[in-house]
PDB file of N, CA and C in Angstrom:
ATOM      1  N   MET A   1      78.407  91.272 112.085  1.00  0.00           N
ATOM      2  CA  MET A   1      79.843  91.483 112.091  1.00  0.00           C
ATOM      3  C   MET A   1      80.573  90.212 112.507  1.00  0.00           C
ATOM      4  N   LYS A   2      80.141  89.605 113.620  1.00  0.00           N
ATOM      5  CA  LYS A   2      80.808  88.400 114.099  1.00  0.00           C
ATOM      6  C   LYS A   2      80.608  87.242 113.119  1.00  0.00           C
ATOM      7  N   LYS A   3      79.433  87.194 112.493  1.00  0.00           N
ATOM      8  CA  LYS A   3      79.154  86.123 111.540  1.00  0.00           C
ATOM      9  C   LYS A   3      80.081  86.228 110.329  1.00  0.00           C
ATOM     10  N   LYS A   4      80.310  87.448 109.838  1.00  0.00           N
ATOM     11  CA  LYS A   4      81.220  87.645 108.704  1.00  0.00           C
ATOM     12  C   LYS A   4      82.642  87.250 109.074  1.00  0.00           C
ATOM     13  N   LEU A   5      83.060  87.599 110.264  1.00  0.00           N
ATOM     14  CA  LEU A   5      84.411  87.274 110.713  1.00  0.00           C
ATOM     15  C   LEU A   5      84.600  85.764 110.826  1.00  0.00           C
ATOM     16  N   ILE A   6      83.600  85.064 111.316  1.00  0.00           N
ATOM     17  CA  ILE A   6      83.689  83.607 111.432  1.00  0.00           C
ATOM     18  C   ILE A   6      83.745  82.970 110.046  1.00  0.00           C
ATOM     19  N   VAL A   7      82.933  83.454 109.118  1.00  0.00           N
ATOM     20  CA  VAL A   7      82.931  82.905 107.761  1.00  0.00           C
ATOM     21  C   VAL A   7      84.269  83.146 107.076  1.00  0.00           C
ATOM     22  N   LEU A   8      84.811  84.360 107.180  1.00  0.00           N
ATOM     23  CA  LEU A   8      86.092  84.655 106.556  1.00  0.00           C
ATOM     24  C   LEU A   8      87.234  83.873 107.198  1.00  0.00           C
ATOM     25  N   SER A   9      87.208  83.721 108.502  1.00  0.00           N
ATOM     26  CA  SER A   9      88.244  82.945 109.185  1.00  0.00           C
ATOM     27  C   SER A   9      88.199  81.480 108.757  1.00  0.00           C
ATOM     28  N   THR A  10      87.003  80.930 108.641  1.00  0.00           N
ATOM     29  CA  THR A  10      86.853  79.547 108.193  1.00  0.00           C
ATOM     30  C   THR A  10      87.356  79.380 106.774  1.00  0.00           C
ATOM     31  N   ALA A  11      87.059  80.336 105.913  1.00  0.00           N
ATOM     32  CA  ALA A  11      87.523  80.267 104.529  1.00  0.00           C
ATOM     33  C   ALA A  11      89.046  80.311 104.454  1.00  0.00           C
ATOM     34  N   LEU A  12      89.663  81.144 105.270  1.00  0.00           N
ATOM     35  CA  LEU A  12      91.126  81.207 105.292  1.00  0.00           C
ATOM     36  C   LEU A  12      91.750  79.901 105.781  1.00  0.00           C
ATOM     37  N   ILE A  13      91.168  79.323 106.796  1.00  0.00           N
ATOM     38  CA  ILE A  13      91.697  78.062 107.328  1.00  0.00           C
ATOM     39  C   ILE A  13      91.575  76.960 106.282  1.00  0.00           C
ATOM     40  N   LEU A  14      90.447  76.888 105.599  1.00  0.00           N
ATOM     41  CA  LEU A  14      90.275  75.871 104.566  1.00  0.00           C
ATOM     42  C   LEU A  14      91.232  76.098 103.400  1.00  0.00           C
ATOM     43  N   ALA A  15      91.448  77.341 103.039  1.00  0.00           N
ATOM     44  CA  ALA A  15      92.370  77.635 101.939  1.00  0.00           C
ATOM     45  C   ALA A  15      93.794  77.243 102.294  1.00  0.00           C
ATOM     46  N   LEU A  16      94.210  77.498 103.511  1.00  0.00           N
ATOM     47  CA  LEU A  16      95.573  77.151 103.921  1.00  0.00           C
ATOM     48  C   LEU A  16      95.765  75.646 104.081  1.00  0.00           C
ATOM     49  N   SER A  17      94.690  74.920 104.359  1.00  0.00           N
ATOM     50  CA  SER A  17      94.831  73.469 104.514  1.00  0.00           C
ATOM     51  C   SER A  17      95.031  72.774 103.174  1.00  0.00           C
ATOM     52  N   ALA A  18      94.819  73.471 102.080  1.00  0.00           N
ATOM     53  CA  ALA A  18      94.969  72.876 100.750  1.00  0.00           C
ATOM     54  C   ALA A  18      96.371  73.069 100.176  1.00  0.00           C
ATOM     55  N   CYS A  19      97.341  73.443 100.982  1.00  0.00           N
ATOM     56  CA  CYS A  19      98.694  73.751 100.508  1.00  0.00           C
ATOM     57  C   CYS A  19      99.607  72.538 100.375  1.00  0.00           C
ATOM     58  N   ALA A  20      99.121  71.345 100.643  1.00  0.00           N
ATOM     59  CA  ALA A  20      99.994  70.183 100.727  1.00  0.00           C
ATOM     60  C   ALA A  20     100.676  69.831  99.405  1.00  0.00           C
ATOM     61  N   ASN A  21      99.985  69.920  98.288  1.00  0.00           N
ATOM     62  CA  ASN A  21     100.549  69.470  97.018  1.00  0.00           C
ATOM     63  C   ASN A  21     100.965  70.614  96.114  1.00  0.00           C
ATOM     64  N   MET A  22     101.365  71.718  96.686  1.00  0.00           N
ATOM     65  CA  MET A  22     101.744  72.888  95.891  1.00  0.00           C
ATOM     66  C   MET A  22     103.265  73.030  95.848  1.00  0.00           C
ATOM     67  N   ASN A  23     103.733  73.678  94.782  1.00  0.00           N
ATOM     68  CA  ASN A  23     105.167  73.978  94.722  1.00  0.00           C
ATOM     69  C   ASN A  23     105.446  75.231  95.555  1.00  0.00           C
ATOM     70  N   ASP A  24     106.720  75.605  95.664  1.00  0.00           N
ATOM     71  CA  ASP A  24     107.102  76.733  96.523  1.00  0.00           C
ATOM     72  C   ASP A  24     106.445  78.039  96.098  1.00  0.00           C
ATOM     73  N   THR A  25     106.400  78.295  94.797  1.00  0.00           N
ATOM     74  CA  THR A  25     105.807  79.541  94.311  1.00  0.00           C
ATOM     75  C   THR A  25     104.337  79.626  94.689  1.00  0.00           C
ATOM     76  N   GLN A  26     103.605  78.546  94.485  1.00  0.00           N
ATOM     77  CA  GLN A  26     102.186  78.543  94.821  1.00  0.00           C
ATOM     78  C   GLN A  26     101.964  78.699  96.319  1.00  0.00           C
ATOM     79  N   GLN A  27     102.781  78.035  97.120  1.00  0.00           N
ATOM     80  CA  GLN A  27     102.635  78.150  98.569  1.00  0.00           C
ATOM     81  C   GLN A  27     102.918  79.564  99.058  1.00  0.00           C
ATOM     82  N   ARG A  28     103.966  80.176  98.527  1.00  0.00           N
ATOM     83  CA  ARG A  28     104.302  81.541  98.968  1.00  0.00           C
ATOM     84  C   ARG A  28     103.247  82.547  98.516  1.00  0.00           C
ATOM     85  N   THR A  29     102.719  82.355  97.312  1.00  0.00           N
ATOM     86  CA  THR A  29     101.684  83.269  96.824  1.00  0.00           C
ATOM     87  C   THR A  29     100.417  83.133  97.661  1.00  0.00           C
ATOM     88  N   LEU A  30     100.009  81.906  97.935  1.00  0.00           N
ATOM     89  CA  LEU A  30      98.813  81.691  98.742  1.00  0.00           C
ATOM     90  C   LEU A  30      99.012  82.154 100.180  1.00  0.00           C
ATOM     91  N   SER A  31     100.172  81.897 100.729  1.00  0.00           N
ATOM     92  CA  SER A  31     100.444  82.351 102.100  1.00  0.00           C
ATOM     93  C   SER A  31     100.426  83.875 102.174  1.00  0.00           C
ATOM     94  N   GLY A  32     101.016  84.518 101.180  1.00  0.00           N
ATOM     95  CA  GLY A  32     100.979  85.982 101.137  1.00  0.00           C
ATOM     96  C   GLY A  32      99.565  86.506 101.045  1.00  0.00           C
ATOM     97  N   ALA A  33      98.741  85.841 100.227  1.00  0.00           N
ATOM     98  CA  ALA A  33      97.343  86.256 100.097  1.00  0.00           C
ATOM     99  C   ALA A  33      96.593  86.078 101.407  1.00  0.00           C
ATOM    100  N   ALA A  34      96.838  84.980 102.096  1.00  0.00           N
ATOM    101  CA  ALA A  34      96.148  84.736 103.366  1.00  0.00           C
ATOM    102  C   ALA A  34      96.567  85.747 104.434  1.00  0.00           C
ATOM    103  N   ILE A  35      97.849  85.997 104.512  1.00  0.00           N
ATOM    104  CA  ILE A  35      98.338  86.974 105.498  1.00  0.00           C
ATOM    105  C   ILE A  35      97.825  88.375 105.155  1.00  0.00           C
ATOM    106  N   GLY A  36      97.874  88.715 103.870  1.00  0.00           N
ATOM    107  CA  GLY A  36      97.365  90.025 103.445  1.00  0.00           C
ATOM    108  C   GLY A  36      95.877  90.172 103.685  1.00  0.00           C
ATOM    109  N   SER A  37      95.141  89.092 103.469  1.00  0.00           N
ATOM    110  CA  SER A  37      93.700  89.123 103.713  1.00  0.00           C
ATOM    111  C   SER A  37      93.392  89.356 105.183  1.00  0.00           C
ATOM    112  N   ALA A  38      94.110  88.664 106.042  1.00  0.00           N
ATOM    113  CA  ALA A  38      93.909  88.856 107.480  1.00  0.00           C
ATOM    114  C   ALA A  38      94.280  90.276 107.901  1.00  0.00           C
ATOM    115  N   ALA A  39      95.385  90.782 107.359  1.00  0.00           N
ATOM    116  CA  ALA A  39      95.798  92.147 107.699  1.00  0.00           C
ATOM    117  C   ALA A  39      94.788  93.163 107.177  1.00  0.00           C
ATOM    118  N   GLY A  40      94.327  92.967 105.943  1.00  0.00           N
ATOM    119  CA  GLY A  40      93.331  93.881 105.377  1.00  0.00           C
ATOM    120  C   GLY A  40      92.023  93.845 106.140  1.00  0.00           C
ATOM    121  N   LEU A  41      91.633  92.656 106.583  1.00  0.00           N
ATOM    122  CA  LEU A  41      90.418  92.522 107.380  1.00  0.00           C
ATOM    123  C   LEU A  41      90.569  93.263 108.705  1.00  0.00           C
ATOM    124  N   GLY A  42      91.727  93.101 109.336  1.00  0.00           N
ATOM    125  CA  GLY A  42      91.974  93.794 110.600  1.00  0.00           C
ATOM    126  C   GLY A  42      91.997  95.302 110.439  1.00  0.00           C
ATOM    127  N   ILE A  43      92.655  95.774 109.388  1.00  0.00           N
ATOM    128  CA  ILE A  43      92.718  97.220 109.148  1.00  0.00           C
ATOM    129  C   ILE A  43      91.330  97.760 108.834  1.00  0.00           C
ATOM    130  N   GLY A  44      90.571  97.004 108.030  1.00  0.00           N
ATOM    131  CA  GLY A  44      89.202  97.435 107.722  1.00  0.00           C
ATOM    132  C   GLY A  44      88.338  97.506 108.967  1.00  0.00           C
ATOM    133  N   ALA A  45      88.521  96.566 109.885  1.00  0.00           N
ATOM    134  CA  ALA A  45      87.743  96.571 111.124  1.00  0.00           C
ATOM    135  C   ALA A  45      88.144  97.732 112.032  1.00  0.00           C
ATOM    136  N   LEU A  46      89.447  98.023 112.086  1.00  0.00           N
ATOM    137  CA  LEU A  46      89.917  99.103 112.956  1.00  0.00           C
ATOM    138  C   LEU A  46      89.538 100.481 112.430  1.00  0.00           C
ATOM    139  N   THR A  47      89.535 100.638 111.121  1.00  0.00           N
ATOM    140  CA  THR A  47      89.249 101.958 110.556  1.00  0.00           C
ATOM    141  C   THR A  47      87.772 102.182 110.283  1.00  0.00           C
ATOM    142  N   GLY A  48      86.971 101.125 110.431  1.00  0.00           N
ATOM    143  CA  GLY A  48      85.548 101.265 110.164  1.00  0.00           C
ATOM    144  C   GLY A  48      85.216 101.195 108.686  1.00  0.00           C
ATOM    145  N   GLY A  49      86.164 100.807 107.887  1.00  0.00           N
ATOM    146  CA  GLY A  49      85.936 100.668 106.450  1.00  0.00           C
ATOM    147  C   GLY A  49      85.259  99.346 106.139  1.00  0.00           C
ATOM    148  N   GLY A  50      85.118  99.063 104.869  1.00  0.00           N
ATOM    149  CA  GLY A  50      84.492  97.822 104.456  1.00  0.00           C
ATOM    150  C   GLY A  50      85.393  96.627 104.731  1.00  0.00           C
ATOM    151  N   LEU A  51      84.869  95.640 105.431  1.00  0.00           N
ATOM    152  CA  LEU A  51      85.659  94.469 105.766  1.00  0.00           C
ATOM    153  C   LEU A  51      86.029  93.666 104.521  1.00  0.00           C
ATOM    154  N   LEU A  52      85.065  93.490 103.623  1.00  0.00           N
ATOM    155  CA  LEU A  52      85.344  92.698 102.425  1.00  0.00           C
ATOM    156  C   LEU A  52      86.337  93.392 101.506  1.00  0.00           C
ATOM    157  N   TRP A  53      86.230  94.706 101.372  1.00  0.00           N
ATOM    158  CA  TRP A  53      87.186  95.444 100.536  1.00  0.00           C
ATOM    159  C   TRP A  53      88.576  95.393 101.142  1.00  0.00           C
ATOM    160  N   GLY A  54      88.651  95.498 102.447  1.00  0.00           N
ATOM    161  CA  GLY A  54      89.943  95.410 103.119  1.00  0.00           C
ATOM    162  C   GLY A  54      90.570  94.039 102.941  1.00  0.00           C
ATOM    163  N   ALA A  55      89.760  92.995 103.097  1.00  0.00           N
ATOM    164  CA  ALA A  55      90.271  91.634 102.940  1.00  0.00           C
ATOM    165  C   ALA A  55      90.675  91.361 101.496  1.00  0.00           C
ATOM    166  N   ALA A  56      89.867  91.827 100.547  1.00  0.00           N
ATOM    167  CA  ALA A  56      90.185  91.597  99.132  1.00  0.00           C
ATOM    168  C   ALA A  56      91.445  92.357  98.717  1.00  0.00           C
ATOM    169  N   GLY A  57      91.555  93.600  99.139  1.00  0.00           N
ATOM    170  CA  GLY A  57      92.748  94.387  98.816  1.00  0.00           C
ATOM    171  C   GLY A  57      93.996  93.813  99.462  1.00  0.00           C
ATOM    172  N   GLY A  58      93.875  93.396 100.712  1.00  0.00           N
ATOM    173  CA  GLY A  58      95.001  92.789 101.407  1.00  0.00           C
ATOM    174  C   GLY A  58      95.428  91.476 100.759  1.00  0.00           C
ATOM    175  N   ALA A  59      94.445  90.688 100.315  1.00  0.00           N
ATOM    176  CA  ALA A  59      94.757  89.416  99.651  1.00  0.00           C
ATOM    177  C   ALA A  59      95.499  89.654  98.348  1.00  0.00           C
ATOM    178  N   ALA A  60      95.058  90.634  97.582  1.00  0.00           N
ATOM    179  CA  ALA A  60      95.717  90.926  96.307  1.00  0.00           C
ATOM    180  C   ALA A  60      97.156  91.407  96.529  1.00  0.00           C
ATOM    181  N   ILE A  61      97.320  92.325  97.440  1.00  0.00           N
ATOM    182  CA  ILE A  61      98.663  92.849  97.721  1.00  0.00           C
ATOM    183  C   ILE A  61      99.558  91.751  98.304  1.00  0.00           C
ATOM    184  N   GLY A  62      99.001  90.930  99.191  1.00  0.00           N
ATOM    185  CA  GLY A  62      99.775  89.841  99.781  1.00  0.00           C
ATOM    186  C   GLY A  62     100.187  88.789  98.764  1.00  0.00           C
ATOM    187  N   ALA A  63      99.284  88.468  97.819  1.00  0.00           N
ATOM    188  CA  ALA A  63      99.608  87.487  96.782  1.00  0.00           C
ATOM    189  C   ALA A  63     100.741  87.992  95.899  1.00  0.00           C
ATOM    190  N   VAL A  64     100.669  89.252  95.505  1.00  0.00           N
ATOM    191  CA  VAL A  64     101.741  89.832  94.687  1.00  0.00           C
ATOM    192  C   VAL A  64     103.051  89.852  95.471  1.00  0.00           C
ATOM    193  N   GLY A  65     102.977  90.228  96.733  1.00  0.00           N
ATOM    194  CA  GLY A  65     104.174  90.247  97.566  1.00  0.00           C
ATOM    195  C   GLY A  65     104.779  88.865  97.733  1.00  0.00           C
ATOM    196  N   GLY A  66     103.951  87.849  97.941  1.00  0.00           N
ATOM    197  CA  GLY A  66     104.446  86.485  98.066  1.00  0.00           C
ATOM    198  C   GLY A  66     105.101  85.995  96.789  1.00  0.00           C
ATOM    199  N   TYR A  67     104.518  86.347  95.644  1.00  0.00           N
ATOM    200  CA  TYR A  67     105.089  85.937  94.360  1.00  0.00           C
ATOM    201  C   TYR A  67     106.429  86.629  94.108  1.00  0.00           C
ATOM    202  N   ILE A  68     106.481  87.927  94.394  1.00  0.00           N
ATOM    203  CA  ILE A  68     107.731  88.671  94.192  1.00  0.00           C
ATOM    204  C   ILE A  68     108.817  88.140  95.127  1.00  0.00           C
ATOM    205  N   TYR A  69     108.465  87.843  96.364  1.00  0.00           N
ATOM    206  CA  TYR A  69     109.441  87.286  97.292  1.00  0.00           C
ATOM    207  C   TYR A  69     109.973  85.951  96.769  1.00  0.00           C
ATOM    208  N   ASP A  70     109.093  85.113  96.245  1.00  0.00           N
ATOM    209  CA  ASP A  70     109.522  83.818  95.721  1.00  0.00           C
ATOM    210  C   ASP A  70     110.489  83.993  94.554  1.00  0.00           C
ATOM    211  N   GLN A  71     110.183  84.907  93.643  1.00  0.00           N
ATOM    212  CA  GLN A  71     111.057  85.123  92.497  1.00  0.00           C
ATOM    213  C   GLN A  71     112.414  85.668  92.943  1.00  0.00           C
ATOM    214  N   HIS A  72     112.411  86.546  93.925  1.00  0.00           N
ATOM    215  CA  HIS A  72     113.654  87.090  94.466  1.00  0.00           C
ATOM    216  C   HIS A  72     114.475  85.990  95.141  1.00  0.00           C
ATOM    217  N   ASP A  73     113.796  85.143  95.892  1.00  0.00           N
ATOM    218  CA  ASP A  73     114.483  84.056  96.591  1.00  0.00           C
ATOM    219  C   ASP A  73     115.096  83.070  95.592  1.00  0.00           C
ATOM    220  N   LYS A  74     114.412  82.812  94.498  1.00  0.00           N
ATOM    221  CA  LYS A  74     114.950  81.908  93.482  1.00  0.00           C
ATOM    222  C   LYS A  74     116.196  82.490  92.826  1.00  0.00           C
ATOM    223  N   LYS A  75     116.198  83.795  92.595  1.00  0.00           N
ATOM    224  CA  LYS A  75     117.379  84.433  91.998  1.00  0.00           C
ATOM    225  C   LYS A  75     118.557  84.402  92.965  1.00  0.00           C
ATOM    226  N   GLN A  76     118.300  84.555  94.246  1.00  0.00           N
ATOM    227  CA  GLN A  76     119.351  84.553  95.251  1.00  0.00           C
ATOM    228  C   GLN A  76     119.956  83.178  95.451  1.00  0.00           C
ATOM    229  N   SER A  77     119.159  82.134  95.255  1.00  0.00           N
ATOM    230  CA  SER A  77     119.654  80.784  95.531  1.00  0.00           C
ATOM    231  C   SER A  77     120.291  80.118  94.318  1.00  0.00           C
ATOM    232  N   LYS A  78     120.270  80.760  93.147  1.00  0.00           N
ATOM    233  CA  LYS A  78     120.920  80.195  91.973  1.00  0.00           C
ATOM    234  C   LYS A  78     122.434  80.298  92.112  1.00  0.00           C
ATOM    235  N   PRO A  79     123.153  79.258  91.681  1.00  0.00           N
ATOM    236  CA  PRO A  79     124.617  79.369  91.714  1.00  0.00           C
ATOM    237  C   PRO A  79     125.092  80.383  90.670  1.00  0.00           C
ATOM    238  N   PRO A  80     126.187  81.067  90.920  1.00  0.00           N
ATOM    239  CA  PRO A  80     126.671  82.072  89.962  1.00  0.00           C
ATOM    240  C   PRO A  80     127.072  81.418  88.641  1.00  0.00           C
ATOM    241  N   SER A  81     126.859  82.155  87.562  1.00  0.00           N
ATOM    242  CA  SER A  81     127.221  81.676  86.231  1.00  0.00           C
ATOM    243  C   SER A  81     128.731  81.728  86.059  1.00  0.00           C
ATOM    244  N   LYS A  82     129.252  80.795  85.275  1.00  0.00           N
ATOM    245  CA  LYS A  82     130.701  80.764  85.022  1.00  0.00           C
ATOM    246  C   LYS A  82     131.029  81.379  83.707  1.00  0.00           C
TER     247      LYS A  82
END
């Protein structure tokens, strides 16, 4: 259990360190996936469910959420049409 947690934590840290040359959409999608993965891992650990399934499901939901947030933010920041 502890070995899996260390491996997944290391993978998340390495994935987040690669965000330097990304545009806003890519950064928000990856950040959402990382946050969702951590949340899914935590929920899986608390409920006794599968840790990998929890992390994978959380990553997918977080990535979609990050992408949708980015698209919403872009629409909000556009100047009104004349």
